[in-house]
PDB file of N, CA and C in Angstrom:
ATOM      1  N   MET A   1     -21.306   1.396   1.187  1.00  0.00           N
ATOM      2  CA  MET A   1     -20.208   1.696   0.283  1.00  0.00           C
ATOM      3  C   MET A   1     -19.192   2.637   0.929  1.00  0.00           C
ATOM      4  N   GLU A   2     -19.434   2.997   2.165  1.00  0.00           N
ATOM      5  CA  GLU A   2     -18.540   3.941   2.832  1.00  0.00           C
ATOM      6  C   GLU A   2     -17.166   3.335   3.104  1.00  0.00           C
ATOM      7  N   TYR A   3     -17.123   2.046   3.377  1.00  0.00           N
ATOM      8  CA  TYR A   3     -15.873   1.393   3.767  1.00  0.00           C
ATOM      9  C   TYR A   3     -15.209   0.635   2.623  1.00  0.00           C
ATOM     10  N   ILE A   4     -15.533   0.938   1.401  1.00  0.00           N
ATOM     11  CA  ILE A   4     -15.023   0.165   0.273  1.00  0.00           C
ATOM     12  C   ILE A   4     -13.502   0.266   0.148  1.00  0.00           C
ATOM     13  N   ASP A   5     -12.907   1.429   0.432  1.00  0.00           N
ATOM     14  CA  ASP A   5     -11.454   1.544   0.344  1.00  0.00           C
ATOM     15  C   ASP A   5     -10.767   0.697   1.414  1.00  0.00           C
ATOM     16  N   LEU A   6     -11.364   0.614   2.587  1.00  0.00           N
ATOM     17  CA  LEU A   6     -10.831  -0.248   3.637  1.00  0.00           C
ATOM     18  C   LEU A   6     -10.942  -1.719   3.240  1.00  0.00           C
ATOM     19  N   ILE A   7     -12.033  -2.088   2.628  1.00  0.00           N
ATOM     20  CA  ILE A   7     -12.238  -3.462   2.186  1.00  0.00           C
ATOM     21  C   ILE A   7     -11.226  -3.833   1.096  1.00  0.00           C
ATOM     22  N   VAL A   8     -10.983  -2.920   0.162  1.00  0.00           N
ATOM     23  CA  VAL A   8     -10.010  -3.175  -0.908  1.00  0.00           C
ATOM     24  C   VAL A   8      -8.623  -3.380  -0.306  1.00  0.00           C
ATOM     25  N   LEU A   9      -8.245  -2.551   0.657  1.00  0.00           N
ATOM     26  CA  LEU A   9      -6.939  -2.686   1.296  1.00  0.00           C
ATOM     27  C   LEU A   9      -6.834  -4.007   2.055  1.00  0.00           C
ATOM     28  N   ILE A  10      -7.861  -4.367   2.791  1.00  0.00           N
ATOM     29  CA  ILE A  10      -7.839  -5.625   3.554  1.00  0.00           C
ATOM     30  C   ILE A  10      -7.767  -6.828   2.618  1.00  0.00           C
ATOM     31  N   VAL A  11      -8.531  -6.813   1.542  1.00  0.00           N
ATOM     32  CA  VAL A  11      -8.485  -7.929   0.579  1.00  0.00           C
ATOM     33  C   VAL A  11      -7.094  -8.043  -0.036  1.00  0.00           C
ATOM     34  N   ALA A  12      -6.474  -6.925  -0.374  1.00  0.00           N
ATOM     35  CA  ALA A  12      -5.123  -6.959  -0.946  1.00  0.00           C
ATOM     36  C   ALA A  12      -4.117  -7.514   0.066  1.00  0.00           C
ATOM     37  N   ILE A  13      -4.223  -7.102   1.317  1.00  0.00           N
ATOM     38  CA  ILE A  13      -3.310  -7.593   2.349  1.00  0.00           C
ATOM     39  C   ILE A  13      -3.538  -9.080   2.595  1.00  0.00           C
ATOM     40  N   VAL A  14      -4.780  -9.518   2.635  1.00  0.00           N
ATOM     41  CA  VAL A  14      -5.075 -10.947   2.820  1.00  0.00           C
ATOM     42  C   VAL A  14      -4.502 -11.761   1.660  1.00  0.00           C
ATOM     43  N   PHE A  15      -4.614 -11.255   0.449  1.00  0.00           N
ATOM     44  CA  PHE A  15      -4.034 -11.932  -0.706  1.00  0.00           C
ATOM     45  C   PHE A  15      -2.520 -12.078  -0.546  1.00  0.00           C
ATOM     46  N   VAL A  16      -1.852 -11.030  -0.088  1.00  0.00           N
ATOM     47  CA  VAL A  16      -0.402 -11.090   0.124  1.00  0.00           C
ATOM     48  C   VAL A  16      -0.063 -12.107   1.202  1.00  0.00           C
ATOM     49  N   VAL A  17      -0.822 -12.118   2.290  1.00  0.00           N
ATOM     50  CA  VAL A  17      -0.562 -13.060   3.379  1.00  0.00           C
ATOM     51  C   VAL A  17      -0.752 -14.504   2.910  1.00  0.00           C
ATOM     52  N   ILE A  18      -1.776 -14.763   2.138  1.00  0.00           N
ATOM     53  CA  ILE A  18      -2.020 -16.117   1.641  1.00  0.00           C
ATOM     54  C   ILE A  18      -0.945 -16.525   0.626  1.00  0.00           C
ATOM     55  N   TYR A  19      -0.528 -15.599  -0.204  1.00  0.00           N
ATOM     56  CA  TYR A  19       0.430 -15.896  -1.265  1.00  0.00           C
ATOM     57  C   TYR A  19       1.859 -16.021  -0.748  1.00  0.00           C
ATOM     58  N   SER A  20       2.204 -15.329   0.316  1.00  0.00           N
ATOM     59  CA  SER A  20       3.581 -15.253   0.803  1.00  0.00           C
ATOM     60  C   SER A  20       4.019 -16.529   1.482  1.00  0.00           C
ATOM     61  N   LYS A  21       5.274 -16.877   1.231  1.00  0.00           N
ATOM     62  CA  LYS A  21       5.861 -18.040   1.881  1.00  0.00           C
ATOM     63  C   LYS A  21       7.028 -17.638   2.773  1.00  0.00           C
ATOM     64  N   ARG A  22       7.628 -16.503   2.492  1.00  0.00           N
ATOM     65  CA  ARG A  22       8.755 -16.027   3.302  1.00  0.00           C
ATOM     66  C   ARG A  22       8.409 -14.656   3.870  1.00  0.00           C
ATOM     67  N   LEU A  23       9.090 -14.291   4.929  1.00  0.00           N
ATOM     68  CA  LEU A  23       8.840 -13.006   5.575  1.00  0.00           C
ATOM     69  C   LEU A  23       9.127 -11.840   4.630  1.00  0.00           C
ATOM     70  N   GLN A  24      10.159 -11.972   3.843  1.00  0.00           N
ATOM     71  CA  GLN A  24      10.532 -10.917   2.902  1.00  0.00           C
ATOM     72  C   GLN A  24       9.395 -10.630   1.925  1.00  0.00           C
ATOM     73  N   THR A  25       8.654 -11.635   1.538  1.00  0.00           N
ATOM     74  CA  THR A  25       7.572 -11.472   0.578  1.00  0.00           C
ATOM     75  C   THR A  25       6.438 -10.624   1.142  1.00  0.00           C
ATOM     76  N   TYR A  26       6.216 -10.699   2.454  1.00  0.00           N
ATOM     77  CA  TYR A  26       5.201  -9.840   3.074  1.00  0.00           C
ATOM     78  C   TYR A  26       5.522  -8.367   2.848  1.00  0.00           C
ATOM     79  N   PHE A  27       6.787  -8.017   3.063  1.00  0.00           N
ATOM     80  CA  PHE A  27       7.179  -6.620   2.905  1.00  0.00           C
ATOM     81  C   PHE A  27       7.109  -6.180   1.453  1.00  0.00           C
ATOM     82  N   PHE A  28       7.542  -7.045   0.538  1.00  0.00           N
ATOM     83  CA  PHE A  28       7.417  -6.724  -0.881  1.00  0.00           C
ATOM     84  C   PHE A  28       5.957  -6.563  -1.277  1.00  0.00           C
ATOM     85  N   GLY A  29       5.108  -7.450  -0.819  1.00  0.00           N
ATOM     86  CA  GLY A  29       3.691  -7.380  -1.150  1.00  0.00           C
ATOM     87  C   GLY A  29       3.038  -6.115  -0.635  1.00  0.00           C
ATOM     88  N   PHE A  30       3.306  -5.766   0.616  1.00  0.00           N
ATOM     89  CA  PHE A  30       2.716  -4.555   1.166  1.00  0.00           C
ATOM     90  C   PHE A  30       3.237  -3.312   0.450  1.00  0.00           C
ATOM     91  N   GLY A  31       4.531  -3.305   0.147  1.00  0.00           N
ATOM     92  CA  GLY A  31       5.097  -2.171  -0.588  1.00  0.00           C
ATOM     93  C   GLY A  31       4.498  -2.044  -1.981  1.00  0.00           C
ATOM     94  N   MET A  32       4.296  -3.172  -2.649  1.00  0.00           N
ATOM     95  CA  MET A  32       3.700  -3.142  -3.991  1.00  0.00           C
ATOM     96  C   MET A  32       2.254  -2.669  -3.952  1.00  0.00           C
ATOM     97  N   ILE A  33       1.523  -3.088  -2.929  1.00  0.00           N
ATOM     98  CA  ILE A  33       0.136  -2.633  -2.791  1.00  0.00           C
ATOM     99  C   ILE A  33       0.088  -1.119  -2.640  1.00  0.00           C
ATOM    100  N   ASP A  34       0.918  -0.584  -1.750  1.00  0.00           N
ATOM    101  CA  ASP A  34       0.904   0.859  -1.516  1.00  0.00           C
ATOM    102  C   ASP A  34       1.357   1.629  -2.758  1.00  0.00           C
ATOM    103  N   ILE A  35       2.370   1.135  -3.436  1.00  0.00           N
ATOM    104  CA  ILE A  35       2.846   1.802  -4.653  1.00  0.00           C
ATOM    105  C   ILE A  35       1.770   1.758  -5.736  1.00  0.00           C
ATOM    106  N   ALA A  36       1.076   0.631  -5.862  1.00  0.00           N
ATOM    107  CA  ALA A  36       0.008   0.527  -6.863  1.00  0.00           C
ATOM    108  C   ALA A  36      -1.113   1.522  -6.566  1.00  0.00           C
ATOM    109  N   PHE A  37      -1.498   1.649  -5.299  1.00  0.00           N
ATOM    110  CA  PHE A  37      -2.530   2.628  -4.936  1.00  0.00           C
ATOM    111  C   PHE A  37      -2.081   4.043  -5.271  1.00  0.00           C
ATOM    112  N   ARG A  38      -0.832   4.354  -4.992  1.00  0.00           N
ATOM    113  CA  ARG A  38      -0.325   5.704  -5.271  1.00  0.00           C
ATOM    114  C   ARG A  38      -0.250   5.985  -6.777  1.00  0.00           C
ATOM    115  N   ILE A  39       0.155   4.989  -7.558  1.00  0.00           N
ATOM    116  CA  ILE A  39       0.202   5.164  -9.012  1.00  0.00           C
ATOM    117  C   ILE A  39      -1.200   5.381  -9.564  1.00  0.00           C
ATOM    118  N   LEU A  40      -2.159   4.578  -9.107  1.00  0.00           N
ATOM    119  CA  LEU A  40      -3.542   4.770  -9.555  1.00  0.00           C
ATOM    120  C   LEU A  40      -4.070   6.144  -9.157  1.00  0.00           C
ATOM    121  N   ASN A  41      -3.659   6.634  -8.003  1.00  0.00           N
ATOM    122  CA  ASN A  41      -4.065   7.969  -7.564  1.00  0.00           C
ATOM    123  C   ASN A  41      -3.488   9.043  -8.483  1.00  0.00           C
ATOM    124  N   ILE A  42      -2.271   8.841  -8.937  1.00  0.00           N
ATOM    125  CA  ILE A  42      -1.645   9.821  -9.834  1.00  0.00           C
ATOM    126  C   ILE A  42      -2.319   9.816 -11.209  1.00  0.00           C
ATOM    127  N   ILE A  43      -2.541   8.618 -11.770  1.00  0.00           N
ATOM    128  CA  ILE A  43      -3.076   8.562 -13.135  1.00  0.00           C
ATOM    129  C   ILE A  43      -4.577   8.815 -13.204  1.00  0.00           C
ATOM    130  N   LYS A  44      -5.281   8.808 -12.077  1.00  0.00           N
ATOM    131  CA  LYS A  44      -6.724   9.032 -12.161  1.00  0.00           C
ATOM    132  C   LYS A  44      -7.054  10.442 -12.647  1.00  0.00           C
ATOM    133  N   GLY A  45      -6.113  11.377 -12.518  1.00  0.00           N
ATOM    134  CA  GLY A  45      -6.327  12.721 -13.050  1.00  0.00           C
ATOM    135  C   GLY A  45      -6.374  12.751 -14.570  1.00  0.00           C
ATOM    136  N   PHE A  46      -5.813  11.755 -15.217  1.00  0.00           N
ATOM    137  CA  PHE A  46      -5.773  11.692 -16.674  1.00  0.00           C
ATOM    138  C   PHE A  46      -6.861  10.795 -17.262  1.00  0.00           C
ATOM    139  N   LEU A  47      -7.646  10.178 -16.402  1.00  0.00           N
ATOM    140  CA  LEU A  47      -8.699   9.270 -16.860  1.00  0.00           C
ATOM    141  C   LEU A  47      -9.973  10.035 -17.202  1.00  0.00           C
ATOM    142  N   PRO A  48     -10.836   9.456 -18.020  1.00  0.00           N
ATOM    143  CA  PRO A  48     -12.137  10.074 -18.287  1.00  0.00           C
ATOM    144  C   PRO A  48     -12.944  10.194 -16.995  1.00  0.00           C
ATOM    145  N   LYS A  49     -13.901  11.095 -17.002  1.00  0.00           N
ATOM    146  CA  LYS A  49     -14.642  11.430 -15.789  1.00  0.00           C
ATOM    147  C   LYS A  49     -15.313  10.222 -15.125  1.00  0.00           C
ATOM    148  N   GLY A  50     -15.939   9.354 -15.881  1.00  0.00           N
ATOM    149  CA  GLY A  50     -16.604   8.183 -15.303  1.00  0.00           C
ATOM    150  C   GLY A  50     -15.619   7.219 -14.660  1.00  0.00           C
ATOM    151  N   THR A  51     -14.503   6.979 -15.349  1.00  0.00           N
ATOM    152  CA  THR A  51     -13.478   6.093 -14.815  1.00  0.00           C
ATOM    153  C   THR A  51     -12.812   6.715 -13.599  1.00  0.00           C
ATOM    154  N   ARG A  52     -12.606   8.021 -13.628  1.00  0.00           N
ATOM    155  CA  ARG A  52     -12.000   8.729 -12.495  1.00  0.00           C
ATOM    156  C   ARG A  52     -12.859   8.582 -11.249  1.00  0.00           C
ATOM    157  N   LYS A  53     -14.174   8.697 -11.417  1.00  0.00           N
ATOM    158  CA  LYS A  53     -15.080   8.536 -10.279  1.00  0.00           C
ATOM    159  C   LYS A  53     -15.034   7.109  -9.753  1.00  0.00           C
ATOM    160  N   LEU A  54     -14.953   6.126 -10.655  1.00  0.00           N
ATOM    161  CA  LEU A  54     -14.863   4.727 -10.259  1.00  0.00           C
ATOM    162  C   LEU A  54     -13.583   4.464  -9.460  1.00  0.00           C
ATOM    163  N   VAL A  55     -12.447   4.965  -9.949  1.00  0.00           N
ATOM    164  CA  VAL A  55     -11.178   4.785  -9.250  1.00  0.00           C
ATOM    165  C   VAL A  55     -11.209   5.515  -7.906  1.00  0.00           C
ATOM    166  N   SER A  56     -11.747   6.717  -7.868  1.00  0.00           N
ATOM    167  CA  SER A  56     -11.821   7.472  -6.613  1.00  0.00           C
ATOM    168  C   SER A  56     -12.699   6.771  -5.585  1.00  0.00           C
ATOM    169  N   THR A  57     -13.752   6.099  -6.049  1.00  0.00           N
ATOM    170  CA  THR A  57     -14.676   5.432  -5.141  1.00  0.00           C
ATOM    171  C   THR A  57     -14.100   4.138  -4.584  1.00  0.00           C
ATOM    172  N   TYR A  58     -13.484   3.324  -5.420  1.00  0.00           N
ATOM    173  CA  TYR A  58     -13.103   1.976  -5.020  1.00  0.00           C
ATOM    174  C   TYR A  58     -11.640   1.771  -4.664  1.00  0.00           C
ATOM    175  N   ILE A  59     -10.769   2.658  -5.069  1.00  0.00           N
ATOM    176  CA  ILE A  59      -9.340   2.485  -4.820  1.00  0.00           C
ATOM    177  C   ILE A  59      -8.866   3.573  -3.849  1.00  0.00           C
ATOM    178  N   PRO A  60      -8.273   3.184  -2.707  1.00  0.00           N
ATOM    179  CA  PRO A  60      -7.787   4.192  -1.762  1.00  0.00           C
ATOM    180  C   PRO A  60      -6.570   4.926  -2.320  1.00  0.00           C
ATOM    181  N   ASP A  61      -6.310   6.129  -1.801  1.00  0.00           N
ATOM    182  CA  ASP A  61      -5.160   6.908  -2.247  1.00  0.00           C
ATOM    183  C   ASP A  61      -3.853   6.222  -1.875  1.00  0.00           C
ATOM    184  N   SER A  62      -3.780   5.695  -0.671  1.00  0.00           N
ATOM    185  CA  SER A  62      -2.612   4.962  -0.195  1.00  0.00           C
ATOM    186  C   SER A  62      -3.009   4.229   1.078  1.00  0.00           C
ATOM    187  N   ALA A  63      -2.128   3.338   1.530  1.00  0.00           N
ATOM    188  CA  ALA A  63      -2.422   2.602   2.759  1.00  0.00           C
ATOM    189  C   ALA A  63      -2.461   3.555   3.951  1.00  0.00           C
ATOM    190  N   ILE A  64      -1.574   4.507   3.985  1.00  0.00           N
ATOM    191  CA  ILE A  64      -1.545   5.461   5.096  1.00  0.00           C
ATOM    192  C   ILE A  64      -2.792   6.341   5.083  1.00  0.00           C
ATOM    193  N   GLY A  65      -3.330   6.615   3.916  1.00  0.00           N
ATOM    194  CA  GLY A  65      -4.571   7.378   3.824  1.00  0.00           C
ATOM    195  C   GLY A  65      -5.741   6.639   4.447  1.00  0.00           C
ATOM    196  N   VAL A  66      -5.780   5.329   4.250  1.00  0.00           N
ATOM    197  CA  VAL A  66      -6.840   4.513   4.856  1.00  0.00           C
ATOM    198  C   VAL A  66      -6.670   4.483   6.374  1.00  0.00           C
ATOM    199  N   ILE A  67      -5.438   4.346   6.828  1.00  0.00           N
ATOM    200  CA  ILE A  67      -5.175   4.356   8.277  1.00  0.00           C
ATOM    201  C   ILE A  67      -5.637   5.665   8.886  1.00  0.00           C
ATOM    202  N   ASN A  68      -5.290   6.764   8.266  1.00  0.00           N
ATOM    203  CA  ASN A  68      -5.666   8.081   8.801  1.00  0.00           C
ATOM    204  C   ASN A  68      -7.166   8.338   8.727  1.00  0.00           C
ATOM    205  N   LYS A  69      -7.825   7.757   7.736  1.00  0.00           N
ATOM    206  CA  LYS A  69      -9.261   7.985   7.562  1.00  0.00           C
ATOM    207  C   LYS A  69     -10.091   7.266   8.617  1.00  0.00           C
ATOM    208  N   TYR A  70      -9.695   6.060   8.991  1.00  0.00           N
ATOM    209  CA  TYR A  70     -10.532   5.239   9.861  1.00  0.00           C
ATOM    210  C   TYR A  70     -10.047   5.126  11.303  1.00  0.00           C
ATOM    211  N   THR A  71      -8.935   5.743  11.644  1.00  0.00           N
ATOM    212  CA  THR A  71      -8.460   5.703  13.026  1.00  0.00           C
ATOM    213  C   THR A  71      -8.132   7.102  13.505  1.00  0.00           C
ATOM    214  N   SER A  72      -7.959   7.215  14.811  1.00  0.00           N
ATOM    215  CA  SER A  72      -7.544   8.492  15.396  1.00  0.00           C
ATOM    216  C   SER A  72      -6.865   8.222  16.731  1.00  0.00           C
ATOM    217  N   GLY A  73      -6.161   9.206  17.213  1.00  0.00           N
ATOM    218  CA  GLY A  73      -5.526   9.103  18.523  1.00  0.00           C
ATOM    219  C   GLY A  73      -4.343   8.162  18.538  1.00  0.00           C
ATOM    220  N   SER A  74      -4.217   7.429  19.628  1.00  0.00           N
ATOM    221  CA  SER A  74      -3.069   6.548  19.846  1.00  0.00           C
ATOM    222  C   SER A  74      -3.013   5.412  18.828  1.00  0.00           C
ATOM    223  N   ILE A  75      -4.163   4.886  18.454  1.00  0.00           N
ATOM    224  CA  ILE A  75      -4.188   3.797  17.471  1.00  0.00           C
ATOM    225  C   ILE A  75      -3.640   4.280  16.135  1.00  0.00           C
ATOM    226  N   GLU A  76      -3.996   5.491  15.755  1.00  0.00           N
ATOM    227  CA  GLU A  76      -3.480   6.054  14.505  1.00  0.00           C
ATOM    228  C   GLU A  76      -1.964   6.194  14.556  1.00  0.00           C
ATOM    229  N   VAL A  77      -1.433   6.650  15.677  1.00  0.00           N
ATOM    230  CA  VAL A  77       0.011   6.812  15.824  1.00  0.00           C
ATOM    231  C   VAL A  77       0.709   5.451  15.736  1.00  0.00           C
ATOM    232  N   VAL A  78       0.180   4.454  16.439  1.00  0.00           N
ATOM    233  CA  VAL A  78       0.786   3.122  16.424  1.00  0.00           C
ATOM    234  C   VAL A  78       0.745   2.531  15.018  1.00  0.00           C
ATOM    235  N   LEU A  79      -0.398   2.601  14.346  1.00  0.00           N
ATOM    236  CA  LEU A  79      -0.500   2.055  12.989  1.00  0.00           C
ATOM    237  C   LEU A  79       0.387   2.806  11.998  1.00  0.00           C
ATOM    238  N   THR A  80       0.514   4.115  12.183  1.00  0.00           N
ATOM    239  CA  THR A  80       1.395   4.898  11.313  1.00  0.00           C
ATOM    240  C   THR A  80       2.853   4.499  11.523  1.00  0.00           C
ATOM    241  N   LEU A  81       3.244   4.264  12.770  1.00  0.00           N
ATOM    242  CA  LEU A  81       4.621   3.822  13.037  1.00  0.00           C
ATOM    243  C   LEU A  81       4.868   2.418  12.476  1.00  0.00           C
ATOM    244  N   ILE A  82       3.883   1.544  12.569  1.00  0.00           N
ATOM    245  CA  ILE A  82       4.009   0.208  11.975  1.00  0.00           C
ATOM    246  C   ILE A  82       4.140   0.325  10.462  1.00  0.00           C
ATOM    247  N   TYR A  83       3.320   1.191   9.861  1.00  0.00           N
ATOM    248  CA  TYR A  83       3.404   1.433   8.415  1.00  0.00           C
ATOM    249  C   TYR A  83       4.794   1.940   8.037  1.00  0.00           C
ATOM    250  N   ALA A  84       5.315   2.898   8.806  1.00  0.00           N
ATOM    251  CA  ALA A  84       6.648   3.444   8.518  1.00  0.00           C
ATOM    252  C   ALA A  84       7.720   2.365   8.650  1.00  0.00           C
ATOM    253  N   ALA A  85       7.594   1.502   9.652  1.00  0.00           N
ATOM    254  CA  ALA A  85       8.568   0.430   9.833  1.00  0.00           C
ATOM    255  C   ALA A  85       8.507  -0.566   8.671  1.00  0.00           C
ATOM    256  N   VAL A  86       7.314  -0.926   8.253  1.00  0.00           N
ATOM    257  CA  VAL A  86       7.162  -1.866   7.134  1.00  0.00           C
ATOM    258  C   VAL A  86       7.740  -1.262   5.862  1.00  0.00           C
ATOM    259  N   MET A  87       7.474   0.000   5.613  1.00  0.00           N
ATOM    260  CA  MET A  87       8.010   0.637   4.408  1.00  0.00           C
ATOM    261  C   MET A  87       9.530   0.798   4.487  1.00  0.00           C
ATOM    262  N   ALA A  88      10.079   1.018   5.689  1.00  0.00           N
ATOM    263  CA  ALA A  88      11.532   1.098   5.848  1.00  0.00           C
ATOM    264  C   ALA A  88      12.178  -0.261   5.572  1.00  0.00           C
ATOM    265  N   ILE A  89      11.550  -1.332   6.039  1.00  0.00           N
ATOM    266  CA  ILE A  89      12.062  -2.671   5.759  1.00  0.00           C
ATOM    267  C   ILE A  89      11.958  -2.976   4.269  1.00  0.00           C
ATOM    268  N   PHE A  90      10.859  -2.566   3.644  1.00  0.00           N
ATOM    269  CA  PHE A  90      10.696  -2.724   2.199  1.00  0.00           C
ATOM    270  C   PHE A  90      11.827  -2.006   1.458  1.00  0.00           C
ATOM    271  N   LEU A  91      12.126  -0.790   1.862  1.00  0.00           N
ATOM    272  CA  LEU A  91      13.216  -0.035   1.246  1.00  0.00           C
ATOM    273  C   LEU A  91      14.553  -0.733   1.465  1.00  0.00           C
ATOM    274  N   PHE A  92      14.770  -1.261   2.662  1.00  0.00           N
ATOM    275  CA  PHE A  92      16.003  -1.990   2.956  1.00  0.00           C
ATOM    276  C   PHE A  92      16.178  -3.161   1.992  1.00  0.00           C
ATOM    277  N   TYR A  93      15.122  -3.952   1.804  1.00  0.00           N
ATOM    278  CA  TYR A  93      15.208  -5.097   0.899  1.00  0.00           C
ATOM    279  C   TYR A  93      15.439  -4.664  -0.545  1.00  0.00           C
ATOM    280  N   ILE A  94      14.811  -3.590  -0.970  1.00  0.00           N
ATOM    281  CA  ILE A  94      15.015  -3.086  -2.336  1.00  0.00           C
ATOM    282  C   ILE A  94      16.466  -2.655  -2.540  1.00  0.00           C
ATOM    283  N   VAL A  95      17.008  -1.911  -1.593  1.00  0.00           N
ATOM    284  CA  VAL A  95      18.397  -1.450  -1.697  1.00  0.00           C
ATOM    285  C   VAL A  95      19.351  -2.636  -1.639  1.00  0.00           C
ATOM    286  N   LYS A  96      19.075  -3.583  -0.772  1.00  0.00           N
ATOM    287  CA  LYS A  96      19.917  -4.779  -0.651  1.00  0.00           C
ATOM    288  C   LYS A  96      19.974  -5.541  -1.970  1.00  0.00           C
ATOM    289  N   ILE A  97      18.842  -5.725  -2.608  1.00  0.00           N
ATOM    290  CA  ILE A  97      18.792  -6.425  -3.889  1.00  0.00           C
ATOM    291  C   ILE A  97      19.519  -5.614  -4.963  1.00  0.00           C
ATOM    292  N   PHE A  98      19.319  -4.304  -4.942  1.00  0.00           N
ATOM    293  CA  PHE A  98      19.982  -3.440  -5.933  1.00  0.00           C
ATOM    294  C   PHE A  98      21.488  -3.516  -5.796  1.00  0.00           C
ATOM    295  N   ILE A  99      21.989  -3.459  -4.586  1.00  0.00           N
ATOM    296  CA  ILE A  99      23.438  -3.503  -4.359  1.00  0.00           C
ATOM    297  C   ILE A  99      23.999  -4.880  -4.716  1.00  0.00           C
ATOM    298  N   LYS A 100      23.250  -5.940  -4.361  1.00  0.00           N
ATOM    299  CA  LYS A 100      23.720  -7.297  -4.619  1.00  0.00           C
ATOM    300  C   LYS A 100      23.821  -7.576  -6.117  1.00  0.00           C
ATOM    301  N   ARG A 101      22.897  -7.067  -6.898  1.00  0.00           N
ATOM    302  CA  ARG A 101      22.864  -7.356  -8.331  1.00  0.00           C
ATOM    303  C   ARG A 101      23.692  -6.388  -9.160  1.00  0.00           C
ATOM    304  N   LYS A 102      24.119  -5.291  -8.581  1.00  0.00           N
ATOM    305  CA  LYS A 102      24.903  -4.314  -9.330  1.00  0.00           C
ATOM    306  C   LYS A 102      26.344  -4.788  -9.432  1.00  0.00           C
ATOM    307  N   LYS A 103      26.796  -4.941 -10.636  1.00  0.00           N
ATOM    308  CA  LYS A 103      28.161  -5.370 -10.901  1.00  0.00           C
ATOM    309  C   LYS A 103      28.952  -4.200 -11.471  1.00  0.00           C
ATOM    310  N   ILE A 104      29.940  -3.746 -10.727  1.00  0.00           N
ATOM    311  CA  ILE A 104      30.746  -2.610 -11.198  1.00  0.00           C
ATOM    312  C   ILE A 104      32.121  -3.112 -11.600  1.00  0.00           C
TER     313      ILE A 104
END
């Protein structure tokens, strides 16, 4: 049960890869996964004790938290930079959609 957060992250990423048809969808999927993990991390403080323990055990705090937990050294730096690039592209697509749909 030690690697359950890594398994949850990998299953979520595999689901996004299988579901995605365009490159843009990969970035949206990864961004949504990370945001969902962060939201669950925030609300777990308001959950009952048993549910809080369940969420803490099975749901990682964030994708970057999993990267930092299971890697070190140069691999950690490379994966962190890849994570930052993916999140920057995700932000680019979000802003692009926001600007395109905003009618002033």
